[in-house]
C-alpha cells in the first residue's frame, strides 16, 4: 500500500507566506498543520513551545526564564523543532542551520467552527547568513530525533583529564 499526502495533509505549506531578504535580516515563514511544536534550544520551561519568540543566541551563561518574549536565551542553541502531526504517533522535524543570531517566532492560527484553521506559523528570523532547512519525516518522536542526531553527529566523549579531573 502506498501512502500519499494531499495538499490538506501537507507537513509544510508556504502558500501566502513571507520570505524576506534585506540587508538587516532574513525571514522565512513556514505553516505547519499543528500547534504541537517542541524544541528550539535549551529552555527552563516545558518542552512544548507556545506562541512567542524563542531566541537562539547562546550567551554562555544561565539567564532568566525564557517565556517566549525573546532575548532570554539560556545556555545552548539547538535550532531543531519536533512537530507532532494530527496523525496519532506521527512526527516530523525541522532543523534550521544558520550561523547568525536567530529567533523562531511561533504564531498559532485561531478560529472557531469545524472548518477553523488548525496549525501554526513558524517564522524563522535571522540576522543574516545562509538559511538551510532540513526536514526529517516519517517516524515517531524517537525515530525523528535519531535521524536528527545521525545528521548533525553525536558528541564525542572527552577524556576525563580534559574535564579538569586530574
Protein backbone atom coordinates (compact mmCIF):
# COMPACT_ATOMS: atom_id res chain seq x y z
CA UNK A 1 0.00 0.00 0.00
CA UNK A 2 1.37 3.40 -0.96
CA UNK A 3 0.98 6.39 1.35
CA UNK A 4 0.46 9.80 -0.22
CA UNK A 5 -0.40 13.20 1.17
CA UNK A 6 -2.79 15.74 -0.25
CA UNK A 7 -2.30 19.50 -0.03
CA UNK A 8 -4.58 19.41 3.02
CA UNK A 9 -2.23 16.89 4.67
CA UNK A 10 0.99 18.75 3.79
CA UNK A 11 3.59 18.89 6.55
CA UNK A 12 4.85 22.33 5.48
CA UNK A 13 2.94 24.92 3.48
CA UNK A 14 4.34 28.20 2.20
CA UNK A 15 1.24 29.49 0.41
CA UNK A 16 0.67 33.16 1.29
CA UNK A 17 3.78 33.12 3.48
CA UNK A 18 6.52 35.72 3.79
CA UNK A 19 10.07 35.35 2.53
CA UNK A 20 12.08 38.49 3.27
CA UNK A 21 15.68 39.18 2.30
CA UNK A 22 17.06 42.52 3.42
CA UNK A 23 20.42 43.92 4.45
CA UNK A 24 19.33 43.69 8.13
CA UNK A 25 17.72 40.25 8.38
CA UNK A 26 16.29 37.20 6.63
CA UNK A 27 12.84 35.78 7.35
CA UNK A 28 11.05 32.70 6.09
CA UNK A 29 7.57 31.67 7.20
CA UNK A 30 6.52 28.03 7.28
CA UNK A 31 2.97 26.95 8.00
CA UNK A 32 2.68 23.65 9.86
CA UNK A 33 -0.56 21.67 10.40
CA UNK A 34 -0.45 21.59 14.20
CA UNK A 35 0.26 23.69 17.27
CA UNK A 36 2.23 20.88 18.92
CA UNK A 37 5.78 22.21 18.41
CA UNK A 38 8.58 21.05 20.68
CA UNK A 39 12.22 22.12 20.95
CA UNK A 40 14.20 25.20 19.88
CA UNK A 41 17.10 25.25 22.31
CA UNK A 42 17.74 24.55 25.95
CA UNK A 43 14.97 26.16 27.95
CA UNK A 44 13.93 26.32 31.57
CA UNK A 45 10.33 25.64 30.65
CA UNK A 46 8.10 22.98 29.17
CA UNK A 47 9.35 21.18 26.08
CA UNK A 48 6.13 22.14 24.25
CA UNK A 49 6.56 25.62 22.75
CA UNK A 50 3.71 28.07 22.97
CA UNK A 51 3.35 31.20 20.86
CA UNK A 52 6.22 33.63 21.11
CA UNK A 53 9.74 34.49 20.04
CA UNK A 54 12.27 31.82 21.04
CA UNK A 55 15.69 33.47 20.78
CA UNK A 56 18.56 31.27 19.58
CA UNK A 57 21.75 33.02 20.63
CA UNK A 58 23.80 31.34 23.33
CA UNK A 59 25.26 33.80 25.78
CA UNK A 60 27.28 31.15 27.64
CA UNK A 61 25.62 31.74 30.98
CA UNK A 62 22.40 30.98 32.72
CA UNK A 63 19.83 33.70 32.12
CA UNK A 64 16.32 34.47 33.19
CA UNK A 65 13.40 32.18 32.39
CA UNK A 66 12.51 32.35 28.68
CA UNK A 67 8.76 32.71 28.38
CA UNK A 68 8.74 33.30 24.62
CA UNK A 69 9.17 37.08 24.72
CA UNK A 70 12.61 36.89 23.10
CA UNK A 71 16.03 37.91 24.35
CA UNK A 72 16.23 35.46 27.27
CA UNK A 73 18.03 32.54 25.66
CA UNK A 74 19.71 30.21 28.10
CA UNK A 75 22.90 28.28 27.58
CA UNK A 76 22.64 26.12 24.43
CA UNK A 77 21.44 26.58 20.89
CA UNK A 78 19.64 23.74 19.14
CA UNK A 79 17.69 25.10 16.15
CA UNK A 80 15.62 21.94 15.87
CA UNK A 81 11.86 21.61 16.25
CA UNK A 82 9.97 18.36 16.69
CA UNK A 83 6.42 18.72 15.39
CA UNK A 84 3.59 16.30 16.11
CA UNK A 85 1.10 15.84 13.27
CA UNK A 86 -2.60 15.19 13.69
CA UNK A 87 -1.98 11.51 12.87
CA UNK A 88 -1.53 9.65 16.15
CA UNK A 89 2.12 8.96 16.93
CA UNK A 90 3.48 10.65 13.80
CA UNK A 91 6.09 13.39 13.99
CA UNK A 92 8.41 15.33 11.71
CA UNK A 93 11.41 17.51 12.46
CA UNK A 94 12.73 20.83 11.18
CA UNK A 95 16.40 21.71 11.55
CA UNK A 96 17.37 25.31 10.73
CA UNK A 97 21.12 25.55 10.13
CA UNK A 98 22.44 29.10 10.34
CA UNK A 99 25.48 30.73 11.97
CA UNK A 100 23.87 34.01 12.96
CA UNK A 101 21.60 35.01 15.83
CA UNK A 102 18.10 33.78 15.15
CA UNK A 103 14.63 33.99 16.61
CA UNK A 104 11.97 31.49 15.60
CA UNK A 105 8.57 33.06 16.19
CA UNK A 106 5.60 30.75 16.64
CA UNK A 107 2.09 32.07 15.93
CA UNK A 108 -0.95 29.84 16.33
CA UNK A 109 -3.76 30.05 13.84
CA UNK A 110 -7.05 30.81 15.52
CA UNK A 111 -10.64 30.46 14.56
CA UNK A 112 -13.87 28.79 15.51
CA UNK A 113 -16.15 26.21 13.95
CA UNK A 114 -15.48 22.89 12.29
CA UNK A 115 -13.57 24.42 9.38
CA UNK A 116 -11.37 26.59 11.60
CA UNK A 117 -7.67 26.61 10.75
CA UNK A 118 -5.67 24.32 12.98
CA UNK A 119 -1.98 24.86 12.93
CA UNK A 120 0.76 27.38 13.40
CA UNK A 121 3.20 29.54 11.50
CA UNK A 122 6.89 29.32 12.31
CA UNK A 123 8.69 32.48 11.24
CA UNK A 124 12.43 31.84 11.24
CA UNK A 125 14.14 35.23 11.51
CA UNK A 126 17.92 35.58 11.44
CA UNK A 127 20.36 38.48 11.29
CA UNK A 128 21.98 37.15 8.13
CA UNK A 129 23.98 34.30 6.72
CA UNK A 130 22.52 31.38 4.87
CA UNK A 131 19.41 29.53 5.97
CA UNK A 132 19.41 25.81 5.40
CA UNK A 133 16.26 23.93 6.35
CA UNK A 134 16.32 20.17 6.71
CA UNK A 135 13.12 18.18 7.14
CA UNK A 136 13.07 14.78 8.86
CA UNK A 137 9.90 12.81 8.16
CA UNK A 138 8.09 9.55 8.71
CA UNK A 139 8.51 8.41 12.22
CA UNK A 140 7.69 8.51 15.85
CA UNK A 141 9.39 11.09 18.09
CA UNK A 142 12.31 8.80 18.93
CA UNK A 143 12.90 7.97 15.25
CA UNK A 144 12.87 11.63 14.17
CA UNK A 145 15.31 12.61 16.91
CA UNK A 146 17.55 9.71 15.89
CA UNK A 147 17.51 10.97 12.26
CA UNK A 148 18.48 14.44 13.50
CA UNK A 149 21.30 13.08 15.68
CA UNK A 150 22.66 10.97 12.83
CA UNK A 151 22.61 14.05 10.58
CA UNK A 152 24.35 16.52 12.90
CA UNK A 153 26.57 13.91 14.56
CA UNK A 154 26.85 12.71 18.09
CA UNK A 155 29.08 14.48 20.61
CA UNK A 156 32.36 12.84 21.42
CA UNK A 157 33.20 11.90 24.98
CA UNK A 158 36.32 13.80 26.08
CA UNK A 159 38.93 12.11 28.23
CA UNK A 160 38.44 12.55 31.96
CA UNK A 161 41.64 14.61 32.32
CA UNK A 162 40.27 17.17 29.82
CA UNK A 163 37.41 17.91 32.19
CA UNK A 164 39.80 19.03 34.91
CA UNK A 165 39.73 15.79 36.93
CA UNK A 166 43.48 15.02 37.23
